[in-house]
């Protein structure tokens, strides 16, 4: 918990560069993978694999969580309203940022 408070106090922003992907199942989420280094950094503050964050892409900010992929890494889901506002499409390269927040 001390690590979370320290990061929250510093308001540290973490950059994520990646291509927009889509889970293959029907109704699958659009998402961007988060580098493993951030999974390692946030493991002590995760709750059942979830890490509460504020995410940003372009001018759009939303509250969400880093979500586990099942392979030891996380992803950031891109809601439809965010994709529409920021004109985000499958396979687009995108820069997202996130900061930790309290639940």
PDB file of N, CA and C in Angstrom:
ATOM      1  N   UNK A   1       0.808  -1.186   0.000  1.00  0.00           N
ATOM      2  CA  UNK A   1       0.000   0.000   0.000  1.00  0.00           C
ATOM      3  C   UNK A   1       0.859   1.261   0.000  1.00  0.00           C
ATOM      4  N   UNK A   2       2.028   1.191   0.615  1.00  0.00           N
ATOM      5  CA  UNK A   2       2.920   2.346   0.637  1.00  0.00           C
ATOM      6  C   UNK A   2       3.342   2.736  -0.770  1.00  0.00           C
ATOM      7  N   UNK A   3       3.551   1.727  -1.632  1.00  0.00           N
ATOM      8  CA  UNK A   3       3.937   2.020  -3.016  1.00  0.00           C
ATOM      9  C   UNK A   3       2.837   2.806  -3.712  1.00  0.00           C
ATOM     10  N   UNK A   4       1.573   2.429  -3.496  1.00  0.00           N
ATOM     11  CA  UNK A   4       0.451   3.124  -4.111  1.00  0.00           C
ATOM     12  C   UNK A   4       0.390   4.563  -3.625  1.00  0.00           C
ATOM     13  N   UNK A   5       0.487   4.761  -2.318  1.00  0.00           N
ATOM     14  CA  UNK A   5       0.412   6.121  -1.782  1.00  0.00           C
ATOM     15  C   UNK A   5       1.541   6.976  -2.312  1.00  0.00           C
ATOM     16  N   UNK A   6       2.717   6.403  -2.423  1.00  0.00           N
ATOM     17  CA  UNK A   6       3.852   7.146  -2.951  1.00  0.00           C
ATOM     18  C   UNK A   6       3.594   7.570  -4.392  1.00  0.00           C
ATOM     19  N   UNK A   7       3.104   6.648  -5.226  1.00  0.00           N
ATOM     20  CA  UNK A   7       2.826   6.967  -6.625  1.00  0.00           C
ATOM     21  C   UNK A   7       1.678   7.966  -6.742  1.00  0.00           C
ATOM     22  N   UNK A   8       0.661   7.837  -5.881  1.00  0.00           N
ATOM     23  CA  UNK A   8      -0.450   8.775  -5.912  1.00  0.00           C
ATOM     24  C   UNK A   8      -0.001  10.169  -5.521  1.00  0.00           C
ATOM     25  N   UNK A   9       0.861  10.261  -4.538  1.00  0.00           N
ATOM     26  CA  UNK A   9       1.354  11.561  -4.103  1.00  0.00           C
ATOM     27  C   UNK A   9       2.163  12.234  -5.200  1.00  0.00           C
ATOM     28  N   UNK A  10       2.896  11.445  -5.962  1.00  0.00           N
ATOM     29  CA  UNK A  10       3.709  11.997  -7.032  1.00  0.00           C
ATOM     30  C   UNK A  10       2.896  12.245  -8.291  1.00  0.00           C
ATOM     31  N   UNK A  11       1.657  11.721  -8.353  1.00  0.00           N
ATOM     32  CA  UNK A  11       0.822  11.830  -9.549  1.00  0.00           C
ATOM     33  C   UNK A  11       1.575  11.369 -10.787  1.00  0.00           C
ATOM     34  N   UNK A  12       2.320  10.295 -10.635  1.00  0.00           N
ATOM     35  CA  UNK A  12       3.127   9.784 -11.739  1.00  0.00           C
ATOM     36  C   UNK A  12       2.241   9.321 -12.892  1.00  0.00           C
ATOM     37  N   UNK A  13       2.637   9.692 -14.096  1.00  0.00           N
ATOM     38  CA  UNK A  13       1.914   9.308 -15.308  1.00  0.00           C
ATOM     39  C   UNK A  13       2.762   8.292 -16.060  1.00  0.00           C
ATOM     40  N   UNK A  14       2.125   7.177 -16.436  1.00  0.00           N
ATOM     41  CA  UNK A  14       2.814   6.088 -17.110  1.00  0.00           C
ATOM     42  C   UNK A  14       2.367   6.029 -18.563  1.00  0.00           C
ATOM     43  N   UNK A  15       3.298   6.108 -19.527  1.00  0.00           N
ATOM     44  CA  UNK A  15       2.938   6.045 -20.951  1.00  0.00           C
ATOM     45  C   UNK A  15       2.818   4.601 -21.441  1.00  0.00           C
ATOM     46  N   UNK A  16       1.875   4.380 -22.341  1.00  0.00           N
ATOM     47  CA  UNK A  16       1.679   3.072 -22.962  1.00  0.00           C
ATOM     48  C   UNK A  16       1.523   3.294 -24.462  1.00  0.00           C
ATOM     49  N   UNK A  17       2.465   2.785 -25.239  1.00  0.00           N
ATOM     50  CA  UNK A  17       2.373   2.829 -26.700  1.00  0.00           C
ATOM     51  C   UNK A  17       1.970   1.445 -27.191  1.00  0.00           C
ATOM     52  N   UNK A  18       0.974   1.389 -28.043  1.00  0.00           N
ATOM     53  CA  UNK A  18       0.584   0.093 -28.576  1.00  0.00           C
ATOM     54  C   UNK A  18      -0.467   0.225 -29.648  1.00  0.00           C
ATOM     55  N   UNK A  19      -0.699  -0.876 -30.333  1.00  0.00           N
ATOM     56  CA  UNK A  19      -1.748  -0.918 -31.348  1.00  0.00           C
ATOM     57  C   UNK A  19      -3.045  -1.391 -30.712  1.00  0.00           C
ATOM     58  N   UNK A  20      -4.143  -0.854 -31.191  1.00  0.00           N
ATOM     59  CA  UNK A  20      -5.457  -1.241 -30.697  1.00  0.00           C
ATOM     60  C   UNK A  20      -5.758  -2.655 -31.171  1.00  0.00           C
ATOM     61  N   UNK A  21      -6.137  -3.513 -30.218  1.00  0.00           N
ATOM     62  CA  UNK A  21      -6.475  -4.905 -30.520  1.00  0.00           C
ATOM     63  C   UNK A  21      -7.927  -5.165 -30.130  1.00  0.00           C
ATOM     64  N   UNK A  22      -8.442  -6.322 -30.550  1.00  0.00           N
ATOM     65  CA  UNK A  22      -9.809  -6.710 -30.245  1.00  0.00           C
ATOM     66  C   UNK A  22      -9.815  -8.155 -29.775  1.00  0.00           C
ATOM     67  N   UNK A  23     -10.443  -8.398 -28.619  1.00  0.00           N
ATOM     68  CA  UNK A  23     -10.597  -9.783 -28.194  1.00  0.00           C
ATOM     69  C   UNK A  23     -11.432 -10.514 -29.237  1.00  0.00           C
ATOM     70  N   UNK A  24     -11.072 -11.751 -29.579  1.00  0.00           N
ATOM     71  CA  UNK A  24     -11.709 -12.448 -30.701  1.00  0.00           C
ATOM     72  C   UNK A  24     -13.145 -12.915 -30.467  1.00  0.00           C
ATOM     73  N   UNK A  25     -13.568 -13.072 -29.225  1.00  0.00           N
ATOM     74  CA  UNK A  25     -14.921 -13.577 -28.999  1.00  0.00           C
ATOM     75  C   UNK A  25     -15.969 -12.520 -29.365  1.00  0.00           C
ATOM     76  N   UNK A  26     -17.191 -12.976 -29.595  1.00  0.00           N
ATOM     77  CA  UNK A  26     -18.288 -12.080 -29.944  1.00  0.00           C
ATOM     78  C   UNK A  26     -18.446 -11.012 -28.862  1.00  0.00           C
ATOM     79  N   UNK A  27     -18.543  -9.779 -29.289  1.00  0.00           N
ATOM     80  CA  UNK A  27     -18.671  -8.675 -28.348  1.00  0.00           C
ATOM     81  C   UNK A  27     -17.378  -8.346 -27.622  1.00  0.00           C
ATOM     82  N   UNK A  28     -16.248  -8.815 -28.161  1.00  0.00           N
ATOM     83  CA  UNK A  28     -14.953  -8.605 -27.517  1.00  0.00           C
ATOM     84  C   UNK A  28     -14.596  -7.141 -27.369  1.00  0.00           C
ATOM     85  N   UNK A  29     -13.800  -6.848 -26.354  1.00  0.00           N
ATOM     86  CA  UNK A  29     -13.380  -5.487 -26.064  1.00  0.00           C
ATOM     87  C   UNK A  29     -12.236  -5.059 -26.970  1.00  0.00           C
ATOM     88  N   UNK A  30     -12.203  -3.772 -27.292  1.00  0.00           N
ATOM     89  CA  UNK A  30     -11.038  -3.143 -27.897  1.00  0.00           C
ATOM     90  C   UNK A  30     -10.109  -2.781 -26.739  1.00  0.00           C
ATOM     91  N   UNK A  31      -8.809  -2.938 -26.959  1.00  0.00           N
ATOM     92  CA  UNK A  31      -7.876  -2.701 -25.861  1.00  0.00           C
ATOM     93  C   UNK A  31      -6.473  -2.421 -26.380  1.00  0.00           C
ATOM     94  N   UNK A  32      -5.627  -1.948 -25.472  1.00  0.00           N
ATOM     95  CA  UNK A  32      -4.193  -1.783 -25.720  1.00  0.00           C
ATOM     96  C   UNK A  32      -3.473  -2.513 -24.591  1.00  0.00           C
ATOM     97  N   UNK A  33      -2.493  -3.328 -24.961  1.00  0.00           N
ATOM     98  CA  UNK A  33      -1.701  -4.063 -23.967  1.00  0.00           C
ATOM     99  C   UNK A  33      -0.799  -3.103 -23.196  1.00  0.00           C
ATOM    100  N   UNK A  34      -0.609  -3.416 -21.918  1.00  0.00           N
ATOM    101  CA  UNK A  34       0.251  -2.631 -21.031  1.00  0.00           C
ATOM    102  C   UNK A  34       1.571  -3.381 -20.872  1.00  0.00           C
ATOM    103  N   UNK A  35       2.706  -2.689 -20.971  1.00  0.00           N
ATOM    104  CA  UNK A  35       3.998  -3.375 -20.822  1.00  0.00           C
ATOM    105  C   UNK A  35       4.107  -4.107 -19.475  1.00  0.00           C
ATOM    106  N   UNK A  36       4.774  -5.233 -19.502  1.00  0.00           N
ATOM    107  CA  UNK A  36       4.961  -6.091 -18.314  1.00  0.00           C
ATOM    108  C   UNK A  36       5.586  -5.310 -17.156  1.00  0.00           C
ATOM    109  N   UNK A  37       6.432  -4.344 -17.455  1.00  0.00           N
ATOM    110  CA  UNK A  37       7.083  -3.586 -16.373  1.00  0.00           C
ATOM    111  C   UNK A  37       6.050  -2.890 -15.485  1.00  0.00           C
ATOM    112  N   UNK A  38       4.911  -2.488 -16.058  1.00  0.00           N
ATOM    113  CA  UNK A  38       3.877  -1.840 -15.252  1.00  0.00           C
ATOM    114  C   UNK A  38       3.096  -2.862 -14.437  1.00  0.00           C
ATOM    115  N   UNK A  39       2.931  -4.062 -14.943  1.00  0.00           N
ATOM    116  CA  UNK A  39       2.309  -5.131 -14.163  1.00  0.00           C
ATOM    117  C   UNK A  39       3.169  -5.425 -12.940  1.00  0.00           C
ATOM    118  N   UNK A  40       4.473  -5.507 -13.151  1.00  0.00           N
ATOM    119  CA  UNK A  40       5.387  -5.760 -12.037  1.00  0.00           C
ATOM    120  C   UNK A  40       5.358  -4.614 -11.030  1.00  0.00           C
ATOM    121  N   UNK A  41       5.308  -3.394 -11.504  1.00  0.00           N
ATOM    122  CA  UNK A  41       5.309  -2.211 -10.641  1.00  0.00           C
ATOM    123  C   UNK A  41       4.042  -2.121  -9.798  1.00  0.00           C
ATOM    124  N   UNK A  42       2.915  -2.541 -10.351  1.00  0.00           N
ATOM    125  CA  UNK A  42       1.628  -2.354  -9.671  1.00  0.00           C
ATOM    126  C   UNK A  42       1.110  -3.604  -8.957  1.00  0.00           C
ATOM    127  N   UNK A  43       1.868  -4.689  -8.965  1.00  0.00           N
ATOM    128  CA  UNK A  43       1.361  -5.946  -8.401  1.00  0.00           C
ATOM    129  C   UNK A  43       0.993  -5.835  -6.925  1.00  0.00           C
ATOM    130  N   UNK A  44       1.685  -5.001  -6.173  1.00  0.00           N
ATOM    131  CA  UNK A  44       1.397  -4.877  -4.747  1.00  0.00           C
ATOM    132  C   UNK A  44       0.129  -4.078  -4.462  1.00  0.00           C
ATOM    133  N   UNK A  45      -0.391  -3.373  -5.455  1.00  0.00           N
ATOM    134  CA  UNK A  45      -1.594  -2.559  -5.241  1.00  0.00           C
ATOM    135  C   UNK A  45      -2.790  -3.111  -6.009  1.00  0.00           C
ATOM    136  N   UNK A  46      -2.623  -4.280  -6.608  1.00  0.00           N
ATOM    137  CA  UNK A  46      -3.743  -4.855  -7.361  1.00  0.00           C
ATOM    138  C   UNK A  46      -4.715  -5.541  -6.416  1.00  0.00           C
ATOM    139  N   UNK A  47      -5.963  -5.567  -6.816  1.00  0.00           N
ATOM    140  CA  UNK A  47      -7.017  -6.240  -6.072  1.00  0.00           C
ATOM    141  C   UNK A  47      -7.632  -7.275  -7.004  1.00  0.00           C
ATOM    142  N   UNK A  48      -7.311  -8.550  -6.772  1.00  0.00           N
ATOM    143  CA  UNK A  48      -7.738  -9.644  -7.652  1.00  0.00           C
ATOM    144  C   UNK A  48      -7.276  -9.413  -9.093  1.00  0.00           C
ATOM    145  N   UNK A  49      -6.086  -8.830  -9.246  1.00  0.00           N
ATOM    146  CA  UNK A  49      -5.532  -8.587 -10.565  1.00  0.00           C
ATOM    147  C   UNK A  49      -5.904  -7.249 -11.164  1.00  0.00           C
ATOM    148  N   UNK A  50      -6.847  -6.524 -10.556  1.00  0.00           N
ATOM    149  CA  UNK A  50      -7.284  -5.226 -11.063  1.00  0.00           C
ATOM    150  C   UNK A  50      -6.511  -4.101 -10.381  1.00  0.00           C
ATOM    151  N   UNK A  51      -6.155  -3.084 -11.154  1.00  0.00           N
ATOM    152  CA  UNK A  51      -5.460  -1.918 -10.616  1.00  0.00           C
ATOM    153  C   UNK A  51      -6.252  -0.690 -11.042  1.00  0.00           C
ATOM    154  N   UNK A  52      -6.778   0.046 -10.080  1.00  0.00           N
ATOM    155  CA  UNK A  52      -7.582   1.235 -10.372  1.00  0.00           C
ATOM    156  C   UNK A  52      -6.706   2.334 -10.980  1.00  0.00           C
ATOM    157  N   UNK A  53      -7.147   2.857 -12.137  1.00  0.00           N
ATOM    158  CA  UNK A  53      -6.380   3.894 -12.829  1.00  0.00           C
ATOM    159  C   UNK A  53      -7.309   4.965 -13.404  1.00  0.00           C
ATOM    160  N   UNK A  54      -6.714   6.085 -13.751  1.00  0.00           N
ATOM    161  CA  UNK A  54      -7.317   7.062 -14.644  1.00  0.00           C
ATOM    162  C   UNK A  54      -6.526   6.957 -15.936  1.00  0.00           C
ATOM    163  N   UNK A  55      -7.221   6.740 -17.034  1.00  0.00           N
ATOM    164  CA  UNK A  55      -6.557   6.577 -18.330  1.00  0.00           C
ATOM    165  C   UNK A  55      -6.823   7.799 -19.194  1.00  0.00           C
ATOM    166  N   UNK A  56      -5.911   8.064 -20.115  1.00  0.00           N
ATOM    167  CA  UNK A  56      -6.060   9.181 -21.045  1.00  0.00           C
ATOM    168  C   UNK A  56      -5.598   8.743 -22.426  1.00  0.00           C
ATOM    169  N   UNK A  57      -6.378   9.116 -23.427  1.00  0.00           N
ATOM    170  CA  UNK A  57      -5.952   9.010 -24.819  1.00  0.00           C
ATOM    171  C   UNK A  57      -6.436  10.297 -25.481  1.00  0.00           C
ATOM    172  N   UNK A  58      -5.521  10.995 -26.115  1.00  0.00           N
ATOM    173  CA  UNK A  58      -5.879  12.291 -26.690  1.00  0.00           C
ATOM    174  C   UNK A  58      -6.357  13.219 -25.587  1.00  0.00           C
ATOM    175  N   UNK A  59      -7.530  13.823 -25.782  1.00  0.00           N
ATOM    176  CA  UNK A  59      -8.100  14.742 -24.799  1.00  0.00           C
ATOM    177  C   UNK A  59      -9.079  14.057 -23.854  1.00  0.00           C
ATOM    178  N   UNK A  60      -9.250  12.757 -23.991  1.00  0.00           N
ATOM    179  CA  UNK A  60     -10.265  12.033 -23.231  1.00  0.00           C
ATOM    180  C   UNK A  60      -9.652  11.307 -22.033  1.00  0.00           C
ATOM    181  N   UNK A  61     -10.254  11.526 -20.866  1.00  0.00           N
ATOM    182  CA  UNK A  61      -9.817  10.880 -19.628  1.00  0.00           C
ATOM    183  C   UNK A  61     -11.001  10.104 -19.070  1.00  0.00           C
ATOM    184  N   UNK A  62     -10.753   8.881 -18.587  1.00  0.00           N
ATOM    185  CA  UNK A  62     -11.815   8.094 -17.961  1.00  0.00           C
ATOM    186  C   UNK A  62     -11.236   7.237 -16.849  1.00  0.00           C
ATOM    187  N   UNK A  63     -12.098   6.906 -15.874  1.00  0.00           N
ATOM    188  CA  UNK A  63     -11.708   6.021 -14.775  1.00  0.00           C
ATOM    189  C   UNK A  63     -11.957   4.582 -15.209  1.00  0.00           C
ATOM    190  N   UNK A  64     -10.959   3.746 -14.980  1.00  0.00           N
ATOM    191  CA  UNK A  64     -11.040   2.344 -15.363  1.00  0.00           C
ATOM    192  C   UNK A  64     -10.066   1.558 -14.495  1.00  0.00           C
ATOM    193  N   UNK A  65      -9.706   0.400 -14.931  1.00  0.00           N
ATOM    194  CA  UNK A  65      -8.710  -0.418 -14.240  1.00  0.00           C
ATOM    195  C   UNK A  65      -7.784  -1.052 -15.258  1.00  0.00           C
ATOM    196  N   UNK A  66      -6.550  -1.321 -14.825  1.00  0.00           N
ATOM    197  CA  UNK A  66      -5.712  -2.231 -15.589  1.00  0.00           C
ATOM    198  C   UNK A  66      -6.334  -3.595 -15.372  1.00  0.00           C
ATOM    199  N   UNK A  67      -6.598  -4.308 -16.440  1.00  0.00           N
ATOM    200  CA  UNK A  67      -7.283  -5.597 -16.379  1.00  0.00           C
ATOM    201  C   UNK A  67      -6.305  -6.702 -16.768  1.00  0.00           C
ATOM    202  N   UNK A  68      -6.337  -7.833 -16.066  1.00  0.00           N
ATOM    203  CA  UNK A  68      -5.394  -8.907 -16.369  1.00  0.00           C
ATOM    204  C   UNK A  68      -5.743  -9.624 -17.678  1.00  0.00           C
ATOM    205  N   UNK A  69      -4.703  -9.905 -18.461  1.00  0.00           N
ATOM    206  CA  UNK A  69      -4.877 -10.646 -19.718  1.00  0.00           C
ATOM    207  C   UNK A  69      -4.869 -12.156 -19.505  1.00  0.00           C
ATOM    208  N   UNK A  70      -4.337 -12.600 -18.387  1.00  0.00           N
ATOM    209  CA  UNK A  70      -4.263 -14.035 -18.130  1.00  0.00           C
ATOM    210  C   UNK A  70      -2.887 -14.617 -18.415  1.00  0.00           C
ATOM    211  N   UNK A  71      -2.011 -13.790 -18.962  1.00  0.00           N
ATOM    212  CA  UNK A  71      -0.652 -14.247 -19.256  1.00  0.00           C
ATOM    213  C   UNK A  71       0.379 -13.539 -18.380  1.00  0.00           C
ATOM    214  N   UNK A  72      -0.100 -12.905 -17.308  1.00  0.00           N
ATOM    215  CA  UNK A  72       0.809 -12.175 -16.420  1.00  0.00           C
ATOM    216  C   UNK A  72       0.957 -10.717 -16.783  1.00  0.00           C
ATOM    217  N   UNK A  73       0.213 -10.247 -17.767  1.00  0.00           N
ATOM    218  CA  UNK A  73       0.247  -8.839 -18.150  1.00  0.00           C
ATOM    219  C   UNK A  73      -1.160  -8.248 -18.019  1.00  0.00           C
ATOM    220  N   UNK A  74      -1.265  -6.959 -18.282  1.00  0.00           N
ATOM    221  CA  UNK A  74      -2.543  -6.252 -18.186  1.00  0.00           C
ATOM    222  C   UNK A  74      -2.864  -5.554 -19.506  1.00  0.00           C
ATOM    223  N   UNK A  75      -4.104  -5.061 -19.578  1.00  0.00           N
ATOM    224  CA  UNK A  75      -4.517  -4.248 -20.722  1.00  0.00           C
ATOM    225  C   UNK A  75      -5.416  -3.128 -20.232  1.00  0.00           C
ATOM    226  N   UNK A  76      -5.575  -2.108 -21.097  1.00  0.00           N
ATOM    227  CA  UNK A  76      -6.517  -1.027 -20.854  1.00  0.00           C
ATOM    228  C   UNK A  76      -7.612  -1.145 -21.907  1.00  0.00           C
ATOM    229  N   UNK A  77      -8.840  -1.349 -21.442  1.00  0.00           N
ATOM    230  CA  UNK A  77      -9.982  -1.430 -22.356  1.00  0.00           C
ATOM    231  C   UNK A  77     -10.329  -0.033 -22.869  1.00  0.00           C
ATOM    232  N   UNK A  78     -10.749   0.027 -24.129  1.00  0.00           N
ATOM    233  CA  UNK A  78     -11.128   1.285 -24.762  1.00  0.00           C
ATOM    234  C   UNK A  78     -12.636   1.291 -25.002  1.00  0.00           C
ATOM    235  N   UNK A  79     -13.400   1.961 -24.145  1.00  0.00           N
ATOM    236  CA  UNK A  79     -14.859   1.987 -24.309  1.00  0.00           C
ATOM    237  C   UNK A  79     -15.274   2.626 -25.633  1.00  0.00           C
ATOM    238  N   UNK A  80     -16.451   2.257 -26.106  1.00  0.00           N
ATOM    239  CA  UNK A  80     -16.962   2.773 -27.384  1.00  0.00           C
ATOM    240  C   UNK A  80     -17.003   4.296 -27.408  1.00  0.00           C
ATOM    241  N   UNK A  81     -17.434   4.925 -26.312  1.00  0.00           N
ATOM    242  CA  UNK A  81     -17.527   6.392 -26.298  1.00  0.00           C
ATOM    243  C   UNK A  81     -16.147   7.043 -26.453  1.00  0.00           C
ATOM    244  N   UNK A  82     -15.112   6.424 -25.903  1.00  0.00           N
ATOM    245  CA  UNK A  82     -13.744   6.931 -26.047  1.00  0.00           C
ATOM    246  C   UNK A  82     -13.274   6.731 -27.489  1.00  0.00           C
ATOM    247  N   UNK A  83     -13.518   5.531 -28.035  1.00  0.00           N
ATOM    248  CA  UNK A  83     -13.098   5.255 -29.413  1.00  0.00           C
ATOM    249  C   UNK A  83     -13.774   6.210 -30.393  1.00  0.00           C
ATOM    250  N   UNK A  84     -15.035   6.476 -30.183  1.00  0.00           N
ATOM    251  CA  UNK A  84     -15.768   7.371 -31.080  1.00  0.00           C
ATOM    252  C   UNK A  84     -15.230   8.800 -30.979  1.00  0.00           C
ATOM    253  N   UNK A  85     -15.087   9.294 -29.755  1.00  0.00           N
ATOM    254  CA  UNK A  85     -14.617  10.670 -29.547  1.00  0.00           C
ATOM    255  C   UNK A  85     -13.214  10.886 -30.101  1.00  0.00           C
ATOM    256  N   UNK A  86     -12.348   9.895 -29.931  1.00  0.00           N
ATOM    257  CA  UNK A  86     -10.946  10.030 -30.358  1.00  0.00           C
ATOM    258  C   UNK A  86     -10.682   9.403 -31.729  1.00  0.00           C
ATOM    259  N   UNK A  87     -11.746   8.926 -32.382  1.00  0.00           N
ATOM    260  CA  UNK A  87     -11.631   8.309 -33.718  1.00  0.00           C
ATOM    261  C   UNK A  87     -10.585   7.187 -33.723  1.00  0.00           C
ATOM    262  N   UNK A  88     -10.772   6.248 -32.826  1.00  0.00           N
ATOM    263  CA  UNK A  88      -9.861   5.120 -32.661  1.00  0.00           C
ATOM    264  C   UNK A  88     -10.428   3.898 -33.371  1.00  0.00           C
ATOM    265  N   UNK A  89      -9.573   3.237 -34.145  1.00  0.00           N
ATOM    266  CA  UNK A  89      -9.986   2.063 -34.909  1.00  0.00           C
ATOM    267  C   UNK A  89      -9.032   0.902 -34.639  1.00  0.00           C
ATOM    268  N   UNK A  90      -9.505  -0.294 -34.931  1.00  0.00           N
ATOM    269  CA  UNK A  90      -8.703  -1.495 -34.773  1.00  0.00           C
ATOM    270  C   UNK A  90      -7.366  -1.342 -35.489  1.00  0.00           C
ATOM    271  N   UNK A  91      -6.310  -1.748 -34.847  1.00  0.00           N
ATOM    272  CA  UNK A  91      -4.922  -1.731 -35.338  1.00  0.00           C
ATOM    273  C   UNK A  91      -4.264  -0.356 -35.310  1.00  0.00           C
ATOM    274  N   UNK A  92      -5.007   0.692 -34.938  1.00  0.00           N
ATOM    275  CA  UNK A  92      -4.398   2.025 -34.836  1.00  0.00           C
ATOM    276  C   UNK A  92      -3.288   2.009 -33.796  1.00  0.00           C
ATOM    277  N   UNK A  93      -2.148   2.621 -34.106  1.00  0.00           N
ATOM    278  CA  UNK A  93      -1.149   2.828 -33.054  1.00  0.00           C
ATOM    279  C   UNK A  93      -1.607   3.991 -32.175  1.00  0.00           C
ATOM    280  N   UNK A  94      -1.509   3.823 -30.873  1.00  0.00           N
ATOM    281  CA  UNK A  94      -1.984   4.857 -29.950  1.00  0.00           C
ATOM    282  C   UNK A  94      -1.042   5.005 -28.766  1.00  0.00           C
ATOM    283  N   UNK A  95      -0.958   6.239 -28.289  1.00  0.00           N
ATOM    284  CA  UNK A  95      -0.282   6.532 -27.026  1.00  0.00           C
ATOM    285  C   UNK A  95      -1.358   6.778 -25.992  1.00  0.00           C
ATOM    286  N   UNK A  96      -1.373   5.969 -24.964  1.00  0.00           N
ATOM    287  CA  UNK A  96      -2.251   6.163 -23.821  1.00  0.00           C
ATOM    288  C   UNK A  96      -1.367   6.481 -22.637  1.00  0.00           C
ATOM    289  N   UNK A  97      -1.920   7.146 -21.663  1.00  0.00           N
ATOM    290  CA  UNK A  97      -1.224   7.316 -20.389  1.00  0.00           C
ATOM    291  C   UNK A  97      -2.180   6.910 -19.287  1.00  0.00           C
ATOM    292  N   UNK A  98      -1.617   6.540 -18.150  1.00  0.00           N
ATOM    293  CA  UNK A  98      -2.462   6.237 -17.007  1.00  0.00           C
ATOM    294  C   UNK A  98      -1.746   6.657 -15.728  1.00  0.00           C
ATOM    295  N   UNK A  99      -2.548   6.914 -14.725  1.00  0.00           N
ATOM    296  CA  UNK A  99      -2.036   7.164 -13.375  1.00  0.00           C
ATOM    297  C   UNK A  99      -2.890   6.360 -12.404  1.00  0.00           C
ATOM    298  N   UNK A 100      -2.284   5.983 -11.309  1.00  0.00           N
ATOM    299  CA  UNK A 100      -2.997   5.206 -10.303  1.00  0.00           C
ATOM    300  C   UNK A 100      -4.000   6.096  -9.584  1.00  0.00           C
ATOM    301  N   UNK A 101      -5.101   5.495  -9.165  1.00  0.00           N
ATOM    302  CA  UNK A 101      -6.100   6.214  -8.377  1.00  0.00           C
ATOM    303  C   UNK A 101      -6.588   5.291  -7.278  1.00  0.00           C
ATOM    304  N   UNK A 102      -7.218   5.887  -6.282  1.00  0.00           N
ATOM    305  CA  UNK A 102      -7.806   5.070  -5.228  1.00  0.00           C
ATOM    306  C   UNK A 102      -9.149   4.565  -5.672  1.00  0.00           C
ATOM    307  N   UNK A 103      -9.521   3.387  -5.213  1.00  0.00           N
ATOM    308  CA  UNK A 103     -10.835   2.809  -5.549  1.00  0.00           C
ATOM    309  C   UNK A 103     -11.923   3.551  -4.844  1.00  0.00           C
TER     310      UNK A 103
END
